[in-house]
Amino acid sequence: MFADLCYFPVRSVQLTFVFLVLPCLLLGYLGQAAYLMEHHSVDLAEQAFFTSVPSGVFWPVFLVANLAALIASRTMTTATFSCIKQSTALGCFPRLKIVHTSRKFMGQIYIPVINWFLLVACLVLVCSISSITEIGNAYGNAYFLVRVEFFPSILISTVHQLSSLLFVSILFNDVMNVLKKKSE
């Protein structure tokens, strides 16, 4: 579980995970497992979470699930900003305008260009998915795109000391791993 330590002390994150997050996850997963054991249907397995919720509390659970997704997206955005800031500081990423949103905490930053890029990327992703199967394949496609397409080219363009032989070996290794996994 990711928690930005710029916002919360370490002890509060640890206690919250042990006494709130972990029990909620266990109850959720055990409830879904019990529901699937009771109802032996392959069709229910695709939507195990929402089909296992009783109809009387469906909308409150739906609201809480969407709020959790909203918080998770905020966490991912903050983590992206932090990674970009660190990459810029190391000279591995072009200089961008970084807005510090707090005078008290150094880690609270906002990068407008990256925010707009994330918006466009999310909209393209949402508009390009047409079935539930494609949502399941989205992780593999993203891994392939980052490892094979973007990472080697960004690495070679920013670190000029790397030789072409290293670039080809990284690219060949990633392509072979993807082809091996596709054949399985």
N, C-alpha and C. Protein backbone atom coordinates (compact mmCIF):
# COMPACT_ATOMS: atom_id res chain seq x y z
N MET A 1 0.84 -1.18 0.00
CA MET A 1 0.00 0.00 0.00
C MET A 1 0.88 1.24 0.00
N PHE A 2 0.52 2.15 -0.86
CA PHE A 2 1.31 3.38 -0.98
C PHE A 2 0.68 4.49 -0.17
N ALA A 3 1.47 5.15 0.62
CA ALA A 3 1.02 6.35 1.33
C ALA A 3 2.16 7.35 1.24
N ASP A 4 1.84 8.55 0.85
CA ASP A 4 2.85 9.57 0.71
C ASP A 4 3.28 10.04 2.10
N LEU A 5 4.52 9.79 2.45
CA LEU A 5 5.00 10.12 3.78
C LEU A 5 5.20 11.62 3.98
N CYS A 6 5.03 12.39 2.89
CA CYS A 6 5.08 13.85 3.05
C CYS A 6 3.81 14.34 3.73
N TYR A 7 2.75 13.58 3.62
CA TYR A 7 1.47 13.99 4.18
C TYR A 7 1.21 13.40 5.56
N PHE A 8 1.69 12.16 5.80
CA PHE A 8 1.38 11.46 7.04
C PHE A 8 2.65 10.96 7.71
N PRO A 9 2.67 10.91 9.04
CA PRO A 9 3.82 10.30 9.73
C PRO A 9 3.84 8.79 9.52
N VAL A 10 5.01 8.20 9.64
CA VAL A 10 5.19 6.76 9.40
C VAL A 10 4.31 5.94 10.34
N ARG A 11 4.26 6.27 11.61
CA ARG A 11 3.49 5.51 12.59
C ARG A 11 2.01 5.49 12.24
N SER A 12 1.45 6.62 11.80
CA SER A 12 0.02 6.64 11.47
C SER A 12 -0.28 5.80 10.23
N VAL A 13 0.65 5.76 9.28
CA VAL A 13 0.46 4.91 8.10
C VAL A 13 0.49 3.44 8.51
N GLN A 14 1.42 3.06 9.37
CA GLN A 14 1.51 1.68 9.82
C GLN A 14 0.27 1.25 10.59
N LEU A 15 -0.18 2.08 11.51
CA LEU A 15 -1.37 1.74 12.30
C LEU A 15 -2.62 1.68 11.44
N THR A 16 -2.75 2.61 10.51
CA THR A 16 -3.92 2.61 9.63
C THR A 16 -3.95 1.36 8.77
N PHE A 17 -2.79 0.94 8.27
CA PHE A 17 -2.76 -0.26 7.46
C PHE A 17 -3.15 -1.49 8.27
N VAL A 18 -2.57 -1.65 9.45
CA VAL A 18 -2.82 -2.85 10.25
C VAL A 18 -4.25 -2.92 10.78
N PHE A 19 -4.80 -1.79 11.22
CA PHE A 19 -6.10 -1.82 11.88
C PHE A 19 -7.27 -1.41 11.00
N LEU A 20 -7.03 -0.87 9.81
CA LEU A 20 -8.14 -0.48 8.94
C LEU A 20 -8.04 -1.13 7.56
N VAL A 21 -6.94 -0.93 6.87
CA VAL A 21 -6.82 -1.40 5.49
C VAL A 21 -6.78 -2.92 5.43
N LEU A 22 -5.92 -3.55 6.19
CA LEU A 22 -5.79 -5.01 6.16
C LEU A 22 -7.10 -5.72 6.52
N PRO A 23 -7.79 -5.36 7.61
CA PRO A 23 -9.07 -6.02 7.88
C PRO A 23 -10.11 -5.81 6.77
N CYS A 24 -10.15 -4.63 6.20
CA CYS A 24 -11.10 -4.38 5.11
C CYS A 24 -10.79 -5.25 3.89
N LEU A 25 -9.51 -5.35 3.54
CA LEU A 25 -9.13 -6.21 2.42
C LEU A 25 -9.46 -7.67 2.70
N LEU A 26 -9.14 -8.14 3.89
CA LEU A 26 -9.44 -9.53 4.24
C LEU A 26 -10.94 -9.81 4.20
N LEU A 27 -11.73 -8.92 4.78
CA LEU A 27 -13.19 -9.12 4.75
C LEU A 27 -13.73 -9.10 3.33
N GLY A 28 -13.23 -8.19 2.52
CA GLY A 28 -13.68 -8.12 1.13
C GLY A 28 -13.34 -9.37 0.35
N TYR A 29 -12.10 -9.82 0.44
CA TYR A 29 -11.68 -11.00 -0.31
C TYR A 29 -12.34 -12.27 0.23
N LEU A 30 -12.46 -12.40 1.54
CA LEU A 30 -13.12 -13.58 2.10
C LEU A 30 -14.60 -13.60 1.76
N GLY A 31 -15.24 -12.44 1.73
CA GLY A 31 -16.64 -12.36 1.34
C GLY A 31 -16.86 -12.76 -0.11
N GLN A 32 -15.98 -12.31 -0.98
CA GLN A 32 -16.08 -12.70 -2.39
C GLN A 32 -15.83 -14.19 -2.57
N ALA A 33 -14.85 -14.73 -1.84
CA ALA A 33 -14.57 -16.16 -1.93
C ALA A 33 -15.74 -16.98 -1.44
N ALA A 34 -16.37 -16.57 -0.33
CA ALA A 34 -17.53 -17.29 0.19
C ALA A 34 -18.69 -17.22 -0.80
N TYR A 35 -18.90 -16.06 -1.41
CA TYR A 35 -19.98 -15.91 -2.39
C TYR A 35 -19.75 -16.82 -3.60
N LEU A 36 -18.51 -16.86 -4.09
CA LEU A 36 -18.21 -17.70 -5.25
C LEU A 36 -18.28 -19.19 -4.90
N MET A 37 -17.96 -19.56 -3.66
CA MET A 37 -18.08 -20.96 -3.26
C MET A 37 -19.55 -21.36 -3.15
N GLU A 38 -20.41 -20.44 -2.76
CA GLU A 38 -21.84 -20.72 -2.63
C GLU A 38 -22.52 -20.78 -3.99
N HIS A 39 -22.16 -19.89 -4.89
CA HIS A 39 -22.76 -19.81 -6.23
C HIS A 39 -21.71 -20.25 -7.25
N HIS A 40 -21.82 -21.47 -7.72
CA HIS A 40 -20.84 -22.04 -8.65
C HIS A 40 -21.16 -21.62 -10.07
N SER A 41 -20.85 -20.39 -10.43
CA SER A 41 -21.11 -19.90 -11.78
C SER A 41 -19.88 -19.15 -12.28
N VAL A 42 -19.46 -19.48 -13.50
CA VAL A 42 -18.30 -18.81 -14.09
C VAL A 42 -18.65 -17.37 -14.42
N ASP A 43 -19.91 -17.10 -14.77
CA ASP A 43 -20.32 -15.74 -15.12
C ASP A 43 -20.20 -14.79 -13.93
N LEU A 44 -20.42 -15.28 -12.73
CA LEU A 44 -20.34 -14.43 -11.54
C LEU A 44 -18.90 -14.08 -11.18
N ALA A 45 -17.94 -14.90 -11.62
CA ALA A 45 -16.55 -14.67 -11.24
C ALA A 45 -15.99 -13.38 -11.82
N GLU A 46 -16.51 -12.95 -12.97
CA GLU A 46 -16.00 -11.71 -13.59
C GLU A 46 -16.37 -10.48 -12.77
N GLN A 47 -17.52 -10.49 -12.13
CA GLN A 47 -17.98 -9.36 -11.32
C GLN A 47 -18.22 -9.80 -9.88
N ALA A 48 -17.27 -10.53 -9.32
CA ALA A 48 -17.47 -11.13 -7.99
C ALA A 48 -17.72 -10.08 -6.92
N PHE A 49 -17.07 -8.95 -6.99
CA PHE A 49 -17.22 -7.95 -5.93
C PHE A 49 -18.63 -7.40 -5.90
N PHE A 50 -19.12 -6.87 -7.02
CA PHE A 50 -20.42 -6.22 -7.00
C PHE A 50 -21.59 -7.20 -6.96
N THR A 51 -21.41 -8.42 -7.47
CA THR A 51 -22.50 -9.39 -7.36
C THR A 51 -22.61 -9.97 -5.95
N SER A 52 -21.51 -9.93 -5.18
CA SER A 52 -21.57 -10.46 -3.82
C SER A 52 -22.15 -9.46 -2.82
N VAL A 53 -22.32 -8.22 -3.23
CA VAL A 53 -22.86 -7.19 -2.34
C VAL A 53 -24.39 -7.32 -2.30
N PRO A 54 -25.01 -7.36 -1.13
CA PRO A 54 -26.48 -7.41 -1.06
C PRO A 54 -27.10 -6.17 -1.71
N SER A 55 -28.26 -6.34 -2.30
CA SER A 55 -28.88 -5.25 -3.06
C SER A 55 -29.21 -4.03 -2.20
N GLY A 56 -29.46 -4.22 -0.92
CA GLY A 56 -29.80 -3.09 -0.05
C GLY A 56 -28.65 -2.13 0.20
N VAL A 57 -27.42 -2.62 0.12
CA VAL A 57 -26.27 -1.75 0.37
C VAL A 57 -25.41 -1.56 -0.88
N PHE A 58 -25.97 -1.87 -2.04
CA PHE A 58 -25.20 -1.75 -3.28
C PHE A 58 -24.71 -0.32 -3.52
N TRP A 59 -25.60 0.66 -3.43
CA TRP A 59 -25.21 2.04 -3.75
C TRP A 59 -24.21 2.63 -2.76
N PRO A 60 -24.34 2.39 -1.45
CA PRO A 60 -23.27 2.87 -0.56
C PRO A 60 -21.91 2.22 -0.86
N VAL A 61 -21.91 0.92 -1.16
CA VAL A 61 -20.67 0.24 -1.49
C VAL A 61 -20.10 0.78 -2.80
N PHE A 62 -20.97 1.02 -3.76
CA PHE A 62 -20.56 1.59 -5.05
C PHE A 62 -19.90 2.96 -4.84
N LEU A 63 -20.50 3.78 -3.97
CA LEU A 63 -19.96 5.11 -3.68
C LEU A 63 -18.59 5.01 -2.99
N VAL A 64 -18.47 4.13 -2.02
CA VAL A 64 -17.19 3.96 -1.31
C VAL A 64 -16.12 3.43 -2.27
N ALA A 65 -16.48 2.50 -3.15
CA ALA A 65 -15.52 1.97 -4.12
C ALA A 65 -15.03 3.07 -5.06
N ASN A 66 -15.93 3.94 -5.49
CA ASN A 66 -15.51 5.04 -6.36
C ASN A 66 -14.66 6.06 -5.62
N LEU A 67 -14.97 6.32 -4.36
CA LEU A 67 -14.13 7.22 -3.56
C LEU A 67 -12.73 6.62 -3.37
N ALA A 68 -12.65 5.32 -3.17
CA ALA A 68 -11.35 4.66 -3.04
C ALA A 68 -10.56 4.77 -4.34
N ALA A 69 -11.24 4.62 -5.47
CA ALA A 69 -10.56 4.78 -6.76
C ALA A 69 -10.08 6.21 -6.95
N LEU A 70 -10.86 7.16 -6.49
CA LEU A 70 -10.47 8.57 -6.58
C LEU A 70 -9.22 8.85 -5.74
N ILE A 71 -9.18 8.31 -4.54
CA ILE A 71 -8.01 8.49 -3.67
C ILE A 71 -6.79 7.79 -4.28
N ALA A 72 -6.99 6.60 -4.85
CA ALA A 72 -5.88 5.89 -5.48
C ALA A 72 -5.34 6.65 -6.68
N SER A 73 -6.22 7.27 -7.45
CA SER A 73 -5.74 8.04 -8.60
C SER A 73 -4.95 9.26 -8.15
N ARG A 74 -5.36 9.88 -7.06
CA ARG A 74 -4.61 11.02 -6.51
C ARG A 74 -3.23 10.57 -6.04
N THR A 75 -3.17 9.40 -5.45
CA THR A 75 -1.89 8.86 -5.00
C THR A 75 -0.97 8.58 -6.18
N MET A 76 -1.52 8.02 -7.25
CA MET A 76 -0.71 7.74 -8.43
C MET A 76 -0.20 9.02 -9.06
N THR A 77 -1.03 10.06 -9.09
CA THR A 77 -0.61 11.34 -9.64
C THR A 77 0.52 11.93 -8.81
N THR A 78 0.39 11.89 -7.49
CA THR A 78 1.43 12.40 -6.60
C THR A 78 2.73 11.62 -6.78
N ALA A 79 2.63 10.31 -6.90
CA ALA A 79 3.83 9.49 -7.10
C ALA A 79 4.49 9.81 -8.43
N THR A 80 3.69 10.05 -9.46
CA THR A 80 4.24 10.42 -10.76
C THR A 80 4.99 11.74 -10.68
N PHE A 81 4.39 12.71 -10.01
CA PHE A 81 5.06 14.01 -9.83
C PHE A 81 6.39 13.83 -9.11
N SER A 82 6.41 13.01 -8.06
CA SER A 82 7.64 12.80 -7.30
C SER A 82 8.72 12.13 -8.15
N CYS A 83 8.33 11.13 -8.94
CA CYS A 83 9.30 10.44 -9.80
C CYS A 83 9.87 11.39 -10.86
N ILE A 84 9.00 12.21 -11.44
CA ILE A 84 9.46 13.16 -12.46
C ILE A 84 10.40 14.19 -11.83
N LYS A 85 10.07 14.65 -10.64
CA LYS A 85 10.94 15.63 -9.96
C LYS A 85 12.31 15.03 -9.68
N GLN A 86 12.34 13.79 -9.21
CA GLN A 86 13.61 13.14 -8.93
C GLN A 86 14.40 12.89 -10.21
N SER A 87 13.71 12.50 -11.28
CA SER A 87 14.39 12.29 -12.56
C SER A 87 14.97 13.59 -13.10
N THR A 88 14.24 14.68 -12.93
CA THR A 88 14.74 15.99 -13.36
C THR A 88 15.96 16.39 -12.54
N ALA A 89 15.92 16.15 -11.24
CA ALA A 89 17.05 16.50 -10.37
C ALA A 89 18.29 15.69 -10.73
N LEU A 90 18.11 14.46 -11.21
CA LEU A 90 19.25 13.63 -11.59
C LEU A 90 19.71 13.89 -13.02
N GLY A 91 18.98 14.74 -13.74
CA GLY A 91 19.35 15.06 -15.11
C GLY A 91 18.89 14.03 -16.13
N CYS A 92 17.96 13.17 -15.75
CA CYS A 92 17.46 12.13 -16.65
C CYS A 92 16.15 12.52 -17.33
N PHE A 93 15.63 13.69 -17.04
CA PHE A 93 14.36 14.14 -17.61
C PHE A 93 14.50 15.63 -17.88
N PRO A 94 13.87 16.13 -18.94
CA PRO A 94 13.99 17.57 -19.23
C PRO A 94 13.43 18.43 -18.10
N ARG A 95 13.93 19.65 -17.99
CA ARG A 95 13.46 20.58 -16.96
C ARG A 95 12.02 20.97 -17.24
N LEU A 96 11.21 20.95 -16.20
CA LEU A 96 9.80 21.33 -16.28
C LEU A 96 9.49 22.31 -15.16
N LYS A 97 8.39 23.02 -15.32
CA LYS A 97 7.95 23.93 -14.26
C LYS A 97 7.37 23.09 -13.13
N ILE A 98 7.96 23.22 -11.95
CA ILE A 98 7.50 22.49 -10.76
C ILE A 98 6.98 23.51 -9.76
N VAL A 99 5.72 23.35 -9.38
CA VAL A 99 5.09 24.26 -8.43
C VAL A 99 5.07 23.58 -7.06
N HIS A 100 5.67 24.21 -6.07
CA HIS A 100 5.63 23.69 -4.69
C HIS A 100 4.36 24.23 -4.03
N THR A 101 3.47 23.32 -3.66
CA THR A 101 2.16 23.72 -3.14
C THR A 101 2.16 23.96 -1.64
N SER A 102 3.26 23.66 -0.98
CA SER A 102 3.33 23.87 0.47
C SER A 102 4.70 24.42 0.85
N ARG A 103 4.70 25.38 1.74
CA ARG A 103 5.97 25.89 2.25
C ARG A 103 6.51 25.00 3.36
N LYS A 104 5.63 24.24 3.99
CA LYS A 104 6.01 23.40 5.13
C LYS A 104 6.60 22.06 4.67
N PHE A 105 5.98 21.44 3.66
CA PHE A 105 6.41 20.12 3.19
C PHE A 105 7.04 20.25 1.81
N MET A 106 8.26 19.79 1.66
CA MET A 106 8.99 19.91 0.41
C MET A 106 8.44 18.98 -0.67
N GLY A 107 7.85 17.87 -0.28
CA GLY A 107 7.39 16.87 -1.24
C GLY A 107 6.07 17.17 -1.91
N GLN A 108 5.36 18.17 -1.46
CA GLN A 108 4.06 18.49 -2.06
C GLN A 108 4.29 19.37 -3.28
N ILE A 109 4.25 18.74 -4.46
CA ILE A 109 4.54 19.45 -5.69
C ILE A 109 3.45 19.21 -6.71
N TYR A 110 3.44 20.06 -7.73
CA TYR A 110 2.50 19.96 -8.84
C TYR A 110 3.26 20.30 -10.11
N ILE A 111 3.15 19.46 -11.12
CA ILE A 111 3.82 19.71 -12.40
C ILE A 111 2.72 19.80 -13.46
N PRO A 112 2.38 21.01 -13.91
CA PRO A 112 1.25 21.19 -14.83
C PRO A 112 1.36 20.39 -16.13
N VAL A 113 2.54 20.33 -16.73
CA VAL A 113 2.70 19.61 -18.00
C VAL A 113 2.42 18.13 -17.81
N ILE A 114 2.92 17.55 -16.75
CA ILE A 114 2.69 16.13 -16.48
C ILE A 114 1.23 15.88 -16.16
N ASN A 115 0.59 16.80 -15.46
CA ASN A 115 -0.83 16.66 -15.15
C ASN A 115 -1.65 16.61 -16.44
N TRP A 116 -1.36 17.50 -17.39
CA TRP A 116 -2.08 17.48 -18.66
C TRP A 116 -1.77 16.22 -19.46
N PHE A 117 -0.52 15.77 -19.41
CA PHE A 117 -0.16 14.54 -20.10
C PHE A 117 -0.92 13.35 -19.53
N LEU A 118 -1.02 13.27 -18.20
CA LEU A 118 -1.77 12.18 -17.58
C LEU A 118 -3.24 12.23 -17.95
N LEU A 119 -3.81 13.44 -18.03
CA LEU A 119 -5.21 13.58 -18.44
C LEU A 119 -5.42 13.04 -19.85
N VAL A 120 -4.57 13.45 -20.78
CA VAL A 120 -4.71 13.00 -22.17
C VAL A 120 -4.50 11.49 -22.26
N ALA A 121 -3.50 10.97 -21.56
CA ALA A 121 -3.24 9.53 -21.59
C ALA A 121 -4.42 8.73 -21.03
N CYS A 122 -5.03 9.20 -19.95
CA CYS A 122 -6.19 8.51 -19.37
C CYS A 122 -7.39 8.56 -20.32
N LEU A 123 -7.62 9.71 -20.94
CA LEU A 123 -8.74 9.83 -21.88
C LEU A 123 -8.54 8.92 -23.08
N VAL A 124 -7.33 8.86 -23.62
CA VAL A 124 -7.06 7.96 -24.75
C VAL A 124 -7.27 6.52 -24.33
N LEU A 125 -6.80 6.16 -23.15
CA LEU A 125 -6.96 4.79 -22.66
C LEU A 125 -8.43 4.43 -22.48
N VAL A 126 -9.19 5.30 -21.85
CA VAL A 126 -10.61 5.02 -21.60
C VAL A 126 -11.38 4.93 -22.91
N CYS A 127 -11.09 5.81 -23.84
CA CYS A 127 -11.81 5.81 -25.13
C CYS A 127 -11.41 4.64 -26.02
N SER A 128 -10.23 4.07 -25.81
CA SER A 128 -9.78 2.98 -26.67
C SER A 128 -10.23 1.61 -26.18
N ILE A 129 -10.67 1.48 -24.95
CA ILE A 129 -11.10 0.18 -24.41
C ILE A 129 -12.56 -0.04 -24.79
N SER A 130 -12.80 -1.19 -25.43
CA SER A 130 -14.17 -1.47 -25.87
C SER A 130 -14.78 -2.70 -25.22
N SER A 131 -13.99 -3.50 -24.51
CA SER A 131 -14.55 -4.68 -23.86
C SER A 131 -13.83 -4.93 -22.54
N ILE A 132 -14.42 -5.78 -21.72
CA ILE A 132 -13.84 -6.09 -20.41
C ILE A 132 -12.56 -6.90 -20.56
N THR A 133 -12.41 -7.65 -21.64
CA THR A 133 -11.18 -8.40 -21.88
C THR A 133 -10.00 -7.46 -22.09
N GLU A 134 -10.25 -6.36 -22.78
CA GLU A 134 -9.17 -5.39 -23.02
C GLU A 134 -8.72 -4.73 -21.72
N ILE A 135 -9.62 -4.59 -20.76
CA ILE A 135 -9.22 -4.03 -19.46
C ILE A 135 -8.25 -4.99 -18.78
N GLY A 136 -8.51 -6.28 -18.87
CA GLY A 136 -7.61 -7.27 -18.29
C GLY A 136 -6.25 -7.29 -18.96
N ASN A 137 -6.21 -7.01 -20.26
CA ASN A 137 -4.95 -7.00 -21.00
C ASN A 137 -4.22 -5.67 -20.89
N ALA A 138 -4.83 -4.67 -20.28
CA ALA A 138 -4.23 -3.33 -20.24
C ALA A 138 -2.89 -3.33 -19.50
N TYR A 139 -2.77 -4.10 -18.44
CA TYR A 139 -1.51 -4.13 -17.69
C TYR A 139 -0.38 -4.67 -18.56
N GLY A 140 -0.62 -5.77 -19.24
CA GLY A 140 0.41 -6.34 -20.11
C GLY A 140 0.79 -5.42 -21.25
N ASN A 141 -0.20 -4.76 -21.83
CA ASN A 141 0.08 -3.82 -22.91
C ASN A 141 0.90 -2.64 -22.40
N ALA A 142 0.58 -2.14 -21.21
CA ALA A 142 1.33 -1.01 -20.65
C ALA A 142 2.77 -1.43 -20.34
N TYR A 143 2.94 -2.62 -19.82
CA TYR A 143 4.29 -3.11 -19.54
C TYR A 143 5.11 -3.20 -20.82
N PHE A 144 4.50 -3.76 -21.86
CA PHE A 144 5.19 -3.88 -23.14
C PHE A 144 5.56 -2.51 -23.69
N LEU A 145 4.62 -1.57 -23.62
CA LEU A 145 4.86 -0.23 -24.15
C LEU A 145 5.99 0.46 -23.42
N VAL A 146 5.99 0.40 -22.10
CA VAL A 146 7.02 1.09 -21.32
C VAL A 146 8.38 0.42 -21.50
N ARG A 147 8.42 -0.91 -21.36
CA ARG A 147 9.71 -1.60 -21.40
C ARG A 147 10.32 -1.65 -22.79
N VAL A 148 9.51 -1.86 -23.82
CA VAL A 148 10.06 -2.06 -25.15
C VAL A 148 10.12 -0.77 -25.96
N GLU A 149 9.11 0.07 -25.85
CA GLU A 149 9.06 1.26 -26.69
C GLU A 149 9.69 2.48 -26.04
N PHE A 150 9.23 2.84 -24.85
CA PHE A 150 9.63 4.12 -24.26
C PHE A 150 10.95 4.08 -23.50
N PHE A 151 11.12 3.09 -22.64
CA PHE A 151 12.28 3.08 -21.75
C PHE A 151 13.61 3.09 -22.48
N PRO A 152 13.85 2.20 -23.44
CA PRO A 152 15.17 2.23 -24.11
C PRO A 152 15.43 3.53 -24.86
N SER A 153 14.42 4.07 -25.52
CA SER A 153 14.66 5.31 -26.27
C SER A 153 14.92 6.49 -25.34
N ILE A 154 14.20 6.58 -24.23
CA ILE A 154 14.45 7.66 -23.27
C ILE A 154 15.82 7.48 -22.63
N LEU A 155 16.18 6.25 -22.31
CA LEU A 155 17.47 5.98 -21.69
C LEU A 155 18.61 6.37 -22.61
N ILE A 156 18.53 6.00 -23.87
CA ILE A 156 19.60 6.30 -24.81
C ILE A 156 19.67 7.80 -25.10
N SER A 157 18.52 8.47 -25.19
CA SER A 157 18.54 9.90 -25.52
C SER A 157 19.03 10.76 -24.36
N THR A 158 18.90 10.29 -23.12
CA THR A 158 19.31 11.12 -21.99
C THR A 158 20.69 10.76 -21.43
N VAL A 159 21.07 9.52 -21.55
CA VAL A 159 22.38 9.09 -21.05
C VAL A 159 23.26 8.81 -22.26
N HIS A 160 24.09 9.76 -22.61
CA HIS A 160 24.84 9.68 -23.86
C HIS A 160 26.03 8.74 -23.79
N GLN A 161 26.40 8.31 -22.60
CA GLN A 161 27.56 7.44 -22.47
C GLN A 161 27.24 5.98 -22.81
N LEU A 162 25.96 5.64 -22.94
CA LEU A 162 25.60 4.25 -23.21
C LEU A 162 25.90 3.91 -24.67
N SER A 163 26.38 2.73 -24.88
CA SER A 163 26.71 2.33 -26.24
C SER A 163 25.49 1.74 -26.93
N SER A 164 25.58 1.65 -28.24
CA SER A 164 24.49 1.07 -29.03
C SER A 164 24.31 -0.41 -28.71
N LEU A 165 25.39 -1.07 -28.36
CA LEU A 165 25.31 -2.49 -28.02
C LEU A 165 24.42 -2.72 -26.80
N LEU A 166 24.54 -1.86 -25.79
CA LEU A 166 23.68 -1.97 -24.61
C LEU A 166 22.22 -1.73 -24.98
N PHE A 167 21.98 -0.75 -25.83
CA PHE A 167 20.61 -0.45 -26.27
C PHE A 167 19.99 -1.66 -26.97
N VAL A 168 20.73 -2.27 -27.88
CA VAL A 168 20.22 -3.43 -28.61
C VAL A 168 19.98 -4.59 -27.66
N SER A 169 20.87 -4.79 -26.69
CA SER A 169 20.69 -5.91 -25.75
C SER A 169 19.46 -5.70 -24.86
N ILE A 170 19.21 -4.46 -24.43
CA ILE A 170 18.01 -4.18 -23.63
C ILE A 170 16.77 -4.43 -24.46
N LEU A 171 16.76 -3.93 -25.69
CA LEU A 171 15.60 -4.09 -26.57
C LEU A 171 15.36 -5.56 -26.89
N PHE A 172 16.43 -6.30 -27.23
CA PHE A 172 16.30 -7.71 -27.56
C PHE A 172 15.80 -8.51 -26.37
N ASN A 173 16.30 -8.23 -25.18
CA ASN A 173 15.88 -8.93 -23.97
C ASN A 173 14.38 -8.73 -23.73
N ASP A 174 13.90 -7.49 -23.85
CA ASP A 174 12.49 -7.22 -23.61
C ASP A 174 11.60 -7.89 -24.66
N VAL A 175 12.00 -7.82 -25.93
CA VAL A 175 11.19 -8.44 -26.99
C VAL A 175 11.12 -9.94 -26.78
N MET A 176 12.25 -10.58 -26.43
CA MET A 176 12.25 -12.02 -26.22
C MET A 176 11.39 -12.41 -25.03
N ASN A 177 11.41 -11.63 -23.96
CA ASN A 177 10.56 -11.93 -22.80
C ASN A 177 9.09 -11.84 -23.17
N VAL A 178 8.71 -10.83 -23.95
CA VAL A 178 7.32 -10.67 -24.35
C VAL A 178 6.89 -11.80 -25.26
N LEU A 179 7.74 -12.17 -26.22
CA LEU A 179 7.39 -13.26 -27.13
C LEU A 179 7.27 -14.58 -26.37
N LYS A 180 8.15 -14.81 -25.39
CA LYS A 180 8.09 -16.04 -24.60
C LYS A 180 6.79 -16.10 -23.79
N LYS A 181 6.39 -14.97 -23.20
CA LYS A 181 5.16 -14.95 -22.40
C LYS A 181 3.92 -15.08 -23.27
N LYS A 182 3.97 -14.56 -24.51
CA LYS A 182 2.81 -14.68 -25.40
C LYS A 182 2.62 -16.12 -25.84
N SER A 183 3.72 -16.87 -26.00
CA SER A 183 3.61 -18.24 -26.47
C SER A 183 3.12 -19.19 -25.38
N GLU A 184 3.21 -18.78 -24.11
CA GLU A 184 2.77 -19.65 -23.00
C GLU A 184 1.28 -19.74 -22.90
